[in-house]
Amino acid sequence: MNDCPYCDRTFTDETYRDLHRGHRHGPQLSTRERAAFERAYQQEEDEITLFRYKALGLLVLVYFGFLLAYAFSL
C-alpha cells in the first residue's frame, strides 16, 4: 500500500498519494516529492483534457443526430 508519511492516509495508487501530498502537504515536500506531484498533476490534467474532447465530440454527434432525425421527420 502507499501510505502518506505526513498524515498516515493509505492510497491504493501511487499517483493518488502523490496528488494528495502535493495538495495537502505542499510546503513540507522534498524536491523529489514535489517532482512526483508535478508529474502526477500533469498526467491527470492530460487525462481530463482528453475526456473533455471526447465529451465534446459525443455532444456534437448527438446534436447532429437529433438535427438529422428532426429534418427527416418533417
PDB file of N, CA and C in Angstrom:
ATOM      1  N   MET A   1       0.839  -1.182   0.000  1.00  0.00           N
ATOM      2  CA  MET A   1       0.000   0.000   0.000  1.00  0.00           C
ATOM      3  C   MET A   1       0.882   1.244   0.000  1.00  0.00           C
ATOM      4  N   ASN A   2       0.301   2.344  -0.388  1.00  0.00           N
ATOM      5  CA  ASN A   2       1.006   3.616  -0.458  1.00  0.00           C
ATOM      6  C   ASN A   2       0.494   4.524   0.650  1.00  0.00           C
ATOM      7  N   ASP A   3       1.282   4.668   1.685  1.00  0.00           N
ATOM      8  CA  ASP A   3       0.902   5.487   2.824  1.00  0.00           C
ATOM      9  C   ASP A   3       1.497   6.883   2.708  1.00  0.00           C
ATOM     10  N   CYS A   4       0.743   7.869   3.178  1.00  0.00           N
ATOM     11  CA  CYS A   4       1.247   9.231   3.245  1.00  0.00           C
ATOM     12  C   CYS A   4       2.070   9.351   4.526  1.00  0.00           C
ATOM     13  N   PRO A   5       3.340   9.741   4.430  1.00  0.00           N
ATOM     14  CA  PRO A   5       4.170   9.823   5.624  1.00  0.00           C
ATOM     15  C   PRO A   5       3.815  11.003   6.535  1.00  0.00           C
ATOM     16  N   TYR A   6       2.991  11.906   6.058  1.00  0.00           N
ATOM     17  CA  TYR A   6       2.663  13.094   6.838  1.00  0.00           C
ATOM     18  C   TYR A   6       1.383  12.954   7.649  1.00  0.00           C
ATOM     19  N   CYS A   7       0.421  12.166   7.133  1.00  0.00           N
ATOM     20  CA  CYS A   7      -0.859  12.062   7.849  1.00  0.00           C
ATOM     21  C   CYS A   7      -1.367  10.625   7.977  1.00  0.00           C
ATOM     22  N   ASP A   8      -0.597   9.646   7.554  1.00  0.00           N
ATOM     23  CA  ASP A   8      -0.919   8.219   7.691  1.00  0.00           C
ATOM     24  C   ASP A   8      -2.164   7.782   6.920  1.00  0.00           C
ATOM     25  N   ARG A   9      -2.533   8.498   5.859  1.00  0.00           N
ATOM     26  CA  ARG A   9      -3.612   8.022   4.992  1.00  0.00           C
ATOM     27  C   ARG A   9      -3.046   6.976   4.054  1.00  0.00           C
ATOM     28  N   THR A  10      -3.880   6.022   3.667  1.00  0.00           N
ATOM     29  CA  THR A  10      -3.469   4.948   2.771  1.00  0.00           C
ATOM     30  C   THR A  10      -4.157   5.127   1.425  1.00  0.00           C
ATOM     31  N   PHE A  11      -3.382   4.920   0.364  1.00  0.00           N
ATOM     32  CA  PHE A  11      -3.895   5.071  -1.000  1.00  0.00           C
ATOM     33  C   PHE A  11      -3.609   3.793  -1.776  1.00  0.00           C
ATOM     34  N   THR A  12      -4.530   3.442  -2.670  1.00  0.00           N
ATOM     35  CA  THR A  12      -4.362   2.237  -3.477  1.00  0.00           C
ATOM     36  C   THR A  12      -3.415   2.457  -4.641  1.00  0.00           C
ATOM     37  N   ASP A  13      -3.216   3.719  -5.015  1.00  0.00           N
ATOM     38  CA  ASP A  13      -2.387   4.038  -6.166  1.00  0.00           C
ATOM     39  C   ASP A  13      -1.352   5.088  -5.772  1.00  0.00           C
ATOM     40  N   GLU A  14      -0.176   4.919  -6.276  1.00  0.00           N
ATOM     41  CA  GLU A  14       0.927   5.842  -6.004  1.00  0.00           C
ATOM     42  C   GLU A  14       0.620   7.254  -6.508  1.00  0.00           C
ATOM     43  N   THR A  15      -0.071   7.339  -7.631  1.00  0.00           N
ATOM     44  CA  THR A  15      -0.417   8.639  -8.208  1.00  0.00           C
ATOM     45  C   THR A  15      -1.348   9.410  -7.281  1.00  0.00           C
ATOM     46  N   TYR A  16      -2.333   8.733  -6.715  1.00  0.00           N
ATOM     47  CA  TYR A  16      -3.256   9.384  -5.790  1.00  0.00           C
ATOM     48  C   TYR A  16      -2.516   9.903  -4.561  1.00  0.00           C
ATOM     49  N   ARG A  17      -1.566   9.120  -4.080  1.00  0.00           N
ATOM     50  CA  ARG A  17      -0.769   9.545  -2.935  1.00  0.00           C
ATOM     51  C   ARG A  17       0.035  10.791  -3.274  1.00  0.00           C
ATOM     52  N   ASP A  18       0.662  10.811  -4.451  1.00  0.00           N
ATOM     53  CA  ASP A  18       1.456  11.968  -4.854  1.00  0.00           C
ATOM     54  C   ASP A  18       0.590  13.214  -4.995  1.00  0.00           C
ATOM     55  N   LEU A  19      -0.597  13.058  -5.563  1.00  0.00           N
ATOM     56  CA  LEU A  19      -1.508  14.189  -5.684  1.00  0.00           C
ATOM     57  C   LEU A  19      -1.943  14.689  -4.310  1.00  0.00           C
ATOM     58  N   HIS A  20      -2.248  13.773  -3.417  1.00  0.00           N
ATOM     59  CA  HIS A  20      -2.641  14.131  -2.051  1.00  0.00           C
ATOM     60  C   HIS A  20      -1.529  14.909  -1.358  1.00  0.00           C
ATOM     61  N   ARG A  21      -0.322  14.396  -1.446  1.00  0.00           N
ATOM     62  CA  ARG A  21       0.793  15.059  -0.770  1.00  0.00           C
ATOM     63  C   ARG A  21       1.009  16.466  -1.324  1.00  0.00           C
ATOM     64  N   GLY A  22       0.885  16.633  -2.628  1.00  0.00           N
ATOM     65  CA  GLY A  22       1.074  17.952  -3.214  1.00  0.00           C
ATOM     66  C   GLY A  22       0.013  18.952  -2.803  1.00  0.00           C
ATOM     67  N   HIS A  23      -1.234  18.491  -2.709  1.00  0.00           N
ATOM     68  CA  HIS A  23      -2.330  19.393  -2.362  1.00  0.00           C
ATOM     69  C   HIS A  23      -2.416  19.656  -0.862  1.00  0.00           C
ATOM     70  N   ARG A  24      -2.180  18.651  -0.048  1.00  0.00           N
ATOM     71  CA  ARG A  24      -2.359  18.784   1.406  1.00  0.00           C
ATOM     72  C   ARG A  24      -1.085  19.135   2.171  1.00  0.00           C
ATOM     73  N   HIS A  25       0.051  18.725   1.655  1.00  0.00           N
ATOM     74  CA  HIS A  25       1.299  18.894   2.400  1.00  0.00           C
ATOM     75  C   HIS A  25       2.366  19.586   1.551  1.00  0.00           C
ATOM     76  N   GLY A  26       1.968  20.492   0.681  1.00  0.00           N
ATOM     77  CA  GLY A  26       2.869  21.141  -0.264  1.00  0.00           C
ATOM     78  C   GLY A  26       4.134  21.739   0.323  1.00  0.00           C
ATOM     79  N   PRO A  27       4.030  22.569   1.363  1.00  0.00           N
ATOM     80  CA  PRO A  27       5.237  23.192   1.906  1.00  0.00           C
ATOM     81  C   PRO A  27       6.230  22.207   2.531  1.00  0.00           C
ATOM     82  N   GLN A  28       5.770  21.043   2.917  1.00  0.00           N
ATOM     83  CA  GLN A  28       6.629  20.066   3.594  1.00  0.00           C
ATOM     84  C   GLN A  28       7.357  19.141   2.621  1.00  0.00           C
ATOM     85  N   LEU A  29       7.039  19.194   1.340  1.00  0.00           N
ATOM     86  CA  LEU A  29       7.570  18.226   0.385  1.00  0.00           C
ATOM     87  C   LEU A  29       9.037  18.474   0.050  1.00  0.00           C
ATOM     88  N   SER A  30       9.728  17.383  -0.182  1.00  0.00           N
ATOM     89  CA  SER A  30      11.103  17.480  -0.670  1.00  0.00           C
ATOM     90  C   SER A  30      11.064  17.735  -2.177  1.00  0.00           C
ATOM     91  N   THR A  31      12.211  17.970  -2.759  1.00  0.00           N
ATOM     92  CA  THR A  31      12.294  18.229  -4.196  1.00  0.00           C
ATOM     93  C   THR A  31      11.814  17.023  -4.993  1.00  0.00           C
ATOM     94  N   ARG A  32      12.168  15.852  -4.543  1.00  0.00           N
ATOM     95  CA  ARG A  32      11.756  14.618  -5.224  1.00  0.00           C
ATOM     96  C   ARG A  32      10.241  14.412  -5.138  1.00  0.00           C
ATOM     97  N   GLU A  33       9.665  14.664  -3.964  1.00  0.00           N
ATOM     98  CA  GLU A  33       8.221  14.522  -3.793  1.00  0.00           C
ATOM     99  C   GLU A  33       7.473  15.577  -4.607  1.00  0.00           C
ATOM    100  N   ARG A  34       8.031  16.786  -4.675  1.00  0.00           N
ATOM    101  CA  ARG A  34       7.412  17.850  -5.465  1.00  0.00           C
ATOM    102  C   ARG A  34       7.398  17.474  -6.950  1.00  0.00           C
ATOM    103  N   ALA A  35       8.496  16.883  -7.434  1.00  0.00           N
ATOM    104  CA  ALA A  35       8.570  16.456  -8.835  1.00  0.00           C
ATOM    105  C   ALA A  35       7.550  15.354  -9.109  1.00  0.00           C
ATOM    106  N   ALA A  36       7.375  14.427  -8.158  1.00  0.00           N
ATOM    107  CA  ALA A  36       6.380  13.356  -8.325  1.00  0.00           C
ATOM    108  C   ALA A  36       4.971  13.944  -8.375  1.00  0.00           C
ATOM    109  N   PHE A  37       4.717  14.938  -7.535  1.00  0.00           N
ATOM    110  CA  PHE A  37       3.411  15.606  -7.551  1.00  0.00           C
ATOM    111  C   PHE A  37       3.172  16.285  -8.895  1.00  0.00           C
ATOM    112  N   GLU A  38       4.170  16.995  -9.395  1.00  0.00           N
ATOM    113  CA  GLU A  38       4.007  17.706 -10.662  1.00  0.00           C
ATOM    114  C   GLU A  38       3.779  16.754 -11.827  1.00  0.00           C
ATOM    115  N   ARG A  39       4.462  15.600 -11.816  1.00  0.00           N
ATOM    116  CA  ARG A  39       4.230  14.581 -12.857  1.00  0.00           C
ATOM    117  C   ARG A  39       2.806  14.038 -12.781  1.00  0.00           C
ATOM    118  N   ALA A  40       2.358  13.713 -11.559  1.00  0.00           N
ATOM    119  CA  ALA A  40       1.014  13.173 -11.378  1.00  0.00           C
ATOM    120  C   ALA A  40      -0.039  14.207 -11.760  1.00  0.00           C
ATOM    121  N   TYR A  41       0.202  15.455 -11.411  1.00  0.00           N
ATOM    122  CA  TYR A  41      -0.734  16.532 -11.733  1.00  0.00           C
ATOM    123  C   TYR A  41      -0.845  16.719 -13.242  1.00  0.00           C
ATOM    124  N   GLN A  42       0.291  16.715 -13.921  1.00  0.00           N
ATOM    125  CA  GLN A  42       0.292  16.877 -15.379  1.00  0.00           C
ATOM    126  C   GLN A  42      -0.400  15.701 -16.065  1.00  0.00           C
ATOM    127  N   GLN A  43      -0.172  14.498 -15.570  1.00  0.00           N
ATOM    128  CA  GLN A  43      -0.817  13.310 -16.134  1.00  0.00           C
ATOM    129  C   GLN A  43      -2.330  13.407 -15.965  1.00  0.00           C
ATOM    130  N   GLU A  44      -2.777  13.826 -14.783  1.00  0.00           N
ATOM    131  CA  GLU A  44      -4.201  13.953 -14.546  1.00  0.00           C
ATOM    132  C   GLU A  44      -4.796  15.060 -15.424  1.00  0.00           C
ATOM    133  N   GLU A  45      -4.077  16.147 -15.574  1.00  0.00           N
ATOM    134  CA  GLU A  45      -4.525  17.247 -16.426  1.00  0.00           C
ATOM    135  C   GLU A  45      -4.688  16.783 -17.876  1.00  0.00           C
ATOM    136  N   ASP A  46      -3.739  15.986 -18.362  1.00  0.00           N
ATOM    137  CA  ASP A  46      -3.828  15.451 -19.725  1.00  0.00           C
ATOM    138  C   ASP A  46      -5.029  14.527 -19.883  1.00  0.00           C
ATOM    139  N   GLU A  47      -5.292  13.693 -18.878  1.00  0.00           N
ATOM    140  CA  GLU A  47      -6.435  12.776 -18.938  1.00  0.00           C
ATOM    141  C   GLU A  47      -7.752  13.547 -18.924  1.00  0.00           C
ATOM    142  N   ILE A  48      -7.832  14.602 -18.135  1.00  0.00           N
ATOM    143  CA  ILE A  48      -9.049  15.419 -18.077  1.00  0.00           C
ATOM    144  C   ILE A  48      -9.274  16.131 -19.404  1.00  0.00           C
ATOM    145  N   THR A  49      -8.210  16.644 -19.997  1.00  0.00           N
ATOM    146  CA  THR A  49      -8.329  17.317 -21.298  1.00  0.00           C
ATOM    147  C   THR A  49      -8.829  16.353 -22.364  1.00  0.00           C
ATOM    148  N   LEU A  50      -8.289  15.143 -22.385  1.00  0.00           N
ATOM    149  CA  LEU A  50      -8.744  14.134 -23.347  1.00  0.00           C
ATOM    150  C   LEU A  50     -10.211  13.798 -23.127  1.00  0.00           C
ATOM    151  N   PHE A  51     -10.620  13.662 -21.864  1.00  0.00           N
ATOM    152  CA  PHE A  51     -12.020  13.388 -21.550  1.00  0.00           C
ATOM    153  C   PHE A  51     -12.919  14.509 -22.052  1.00  0.00           C
ATOM    154  N   ARG A  52     -12.492  15.752 -21.877  1.00  0.00           N
ATOM    155  CA  ARG A  52     -13.293  16.891 -22.336  1.00  0.00           C
ATOM    156  C   ARG A  52     -13.465  16.877 -23.846  1.00  0.00           C
ATOM    157  N   TYR A  53     -12.399  16.557 -24.577  1.00  0.00           N
ATOM    158  CA  TYR A  53     -12.502  16.469 -26.038  1.00  0.00           C
ATOM    159  C   TYR A  53     -13.453  15.353 -26.460  1.00  0.00           C
ATOM    160  N   LYS A  54     -13.371  14.215 -25.800  1.00  0.00           N
ATOM    161  CA  LYS A  54     -14.274  13.108 -26.121  1.00  0.00           C
ATOM    162  C   LYS A  54     -15.719  13.473 -25.811  1.00  0.00           C
ATOM    163  N   ALA A  55     -15.951  14.130 -24.678  1.00  0.00           N
ATOM    164  CA  ALA A  55     -17.307  14.533 -24.305  1.00  0.00           C
ATOM    165  C   ALA A  55     -17.854  15.551 -25.293  1.00  0.00           C
ATOM    166  N   LEU A  56     -17.032  16.490 -25.725  1.00  0.00           N
ATOM    167  CA  LEU A  56     -17.464  17.476 -26.708  1.00  0.00           C
ATOM    168  C   LEU A  56     -17.802  16.803 -28.042  1.00  0.00           C
ATOM    169  N   GLY A  57     -16.971  15.864 -28.471  1.00  0.00           N
ATOM    170  CA  GLY A  57     -17.239  15.133 -29.705  1.00  0.00           C
ATOM    171  C   GLY A  57     -18.548  14.373 -29.636  1.00  0.00           C
ATOM    172  N   LEU A  58     -18.796  13.720 -28.515  1.00  0.00           N
ATOM    173  CA  LEU A  58     -20.047  12.982 -28.338  1.00  0.00           C
ATOM    174  C   LEU A  58     -21.240  13.925 -28.346  1.00  0.00           C
ATOM    175  N   LEU A  59     -21.094  15.069 -27.701  1.00  0.00           N
ATOM    176  CA  LEU A  59     -22.179  16.046 -27.681  1.00  0.00           C
ATOM    177  C   LEU A  59     -22.490  16.552 -29.088  1.00  0.00           C
ATOM    178  N   VAL A  60     -21.470  16.797 -29.886  1.00  0.00           N
ATOM    179  CA  VAL A  60     -21.673  17.239 -31.269  1.00  0.00           C
ATOM    180  C   VAL A  60     -22.374  16.140 -32.073  1.00  0.00           C
ATOM    181  N   LEU A  61     -21.953  14.898 -31.912  1.00  0.00           N
ATOM    182  CA  LEU A  61     -22.603  13.791 -32.631  1.00  0.00           C
ATOM    183  C   LEU A  61     -24.073  13.645 -32.238  1.00  0.00           C
ATOM    184  N   VAL A  62     -24.365  13.737 -30.981  1.00  0.00           N
ATOM    185  CA  VAL A  62     -25.752  13.626 -30.523  1.00  0.00           C
ATOM    186  C   VAL A  62     -26.576  14.791 -31.070  1.00  0.00           C
ATOM    187  N   TYR A  63     -26.029  15.999 -31.022  1.00  0.00           N
ATOM    188  CA  TYR A  63     -26.739  17.164 -31.534  1.00  0.00           C
ATOM    189  C   TYR A  63     -27.090  16.990 -33.009  1.00  0.00           C
ATOM    190  N   PHE A  64     -26.090  16.617 -33.821  1.00  0.00           N
ATOM    191  CA  PHE A  64     -26.361  16.449 -35.248  1.00  0.00           C
ATOM    192  C   PHE A  64     -27.253  15.244 -35.515  1.00  0.00           C
ATOM    193  N   GLY A  65     -27.179  14.229 -34.687  1.00  0.00           N
ATOM    194  CA  GLY A  65     -28.087  13.101 -34.822  1.00  0.00           C
ATOM    195  C   GLY A  65     -29.539  13.540 -34.619  1.00  0.00           C
ATOM    196  N   PHE A  66     -29.784  14.312 -33.583  1.00  0.00           N
ATOM    197  CA  PHE A  66     -31.143  14.827 -33.350  1.00  0.00           C
ATOM    198  C   PHE A  66     -31.552  15.793 -34.464  1.00  0.00           C
ATOM    199  N   LEU A  67     -30.628  16.589 -34.939  1.00  0.00           N
ATOM    200  CA  LEU A  67     -30.924  17.530 -36.010  1.00  0.00           C
ATOM    201  C   LEU A  67     -31.343  16.783 -37.282  1.00  0.00           C
ATOM    202  N   LEU A  68     -30.617  15.729 -37.632  1.00  0.00           N
ATOM    203  CA  LEU A  68     -30.971  14.938 -38.807  1.00  0.00           C
ATOM    204  C   LEU A  68     -32.291  14.194 -38.605  1.00  0.00           C
ATOM    205  N   ALA A  69     -32.505  13.665 -37.427  1.00  0.00           N
ATOM    206  CA  ALA A  69     -33.771  12.988 -37.166  1.00  0.00           C
ATOM    207  C   ALA A  69     -34.937  13.951 -37.273  1.00  0.00           C
ATOM    208  N   TYR A  70     -34.766  15.147 -36.785  1.00  0.00           N
ATOM    209  CA  TYR A  70     -35.817  16.165 -36.886  1.00  0.00           C
ATOM    210  C   TYR A  70     -36.042  16.555 -38.348  1.00  0.00           C
ATOM    211  N   ALA A  71     -34.954  16.718 -39.104  1.00  0.00           N
ATOM    212  CA  ALA A  71     -35.068  17.114 -40.517  1.00  0.00           C
ATOM    213  C   ALA A  71     -35.816  16.057 -41.321  1.00  0.00           C
ATOM    214  N   PHE A  72     -35.576  14.779 -41.054  1.00  0.00           N
ATOM    215  CA  PHE A  72     -36.260  13.722 -41.797  1.00  0.00           C
ATOM    216  C   PHE A  72     -37.689  13.494 -41.316  1.00  0.00           C
ATOM    217  N   SER A  73     -38.013  13.964 -40.148  1.00  0.00           N
ATOM    218  CA  SER A  73     -39.377  13.779 -39.648  1.00  0.00           C
ATOM    219  C   SER A  73     -40.334  14.823 -40.206  1.00  0.00           C
ATOM    220  N   LEU A  74     -39.801  15.862 -40.824  1.00  0.00           N
ATOM    221  CA  LEU A  74     -40.680  16.908 -41.375  1.00  0.00           C
ATOM    222  C   LEU A  74     -41.329  16.415 -42.602  1.00  0.00           C
TER     223      LEU A  74
END
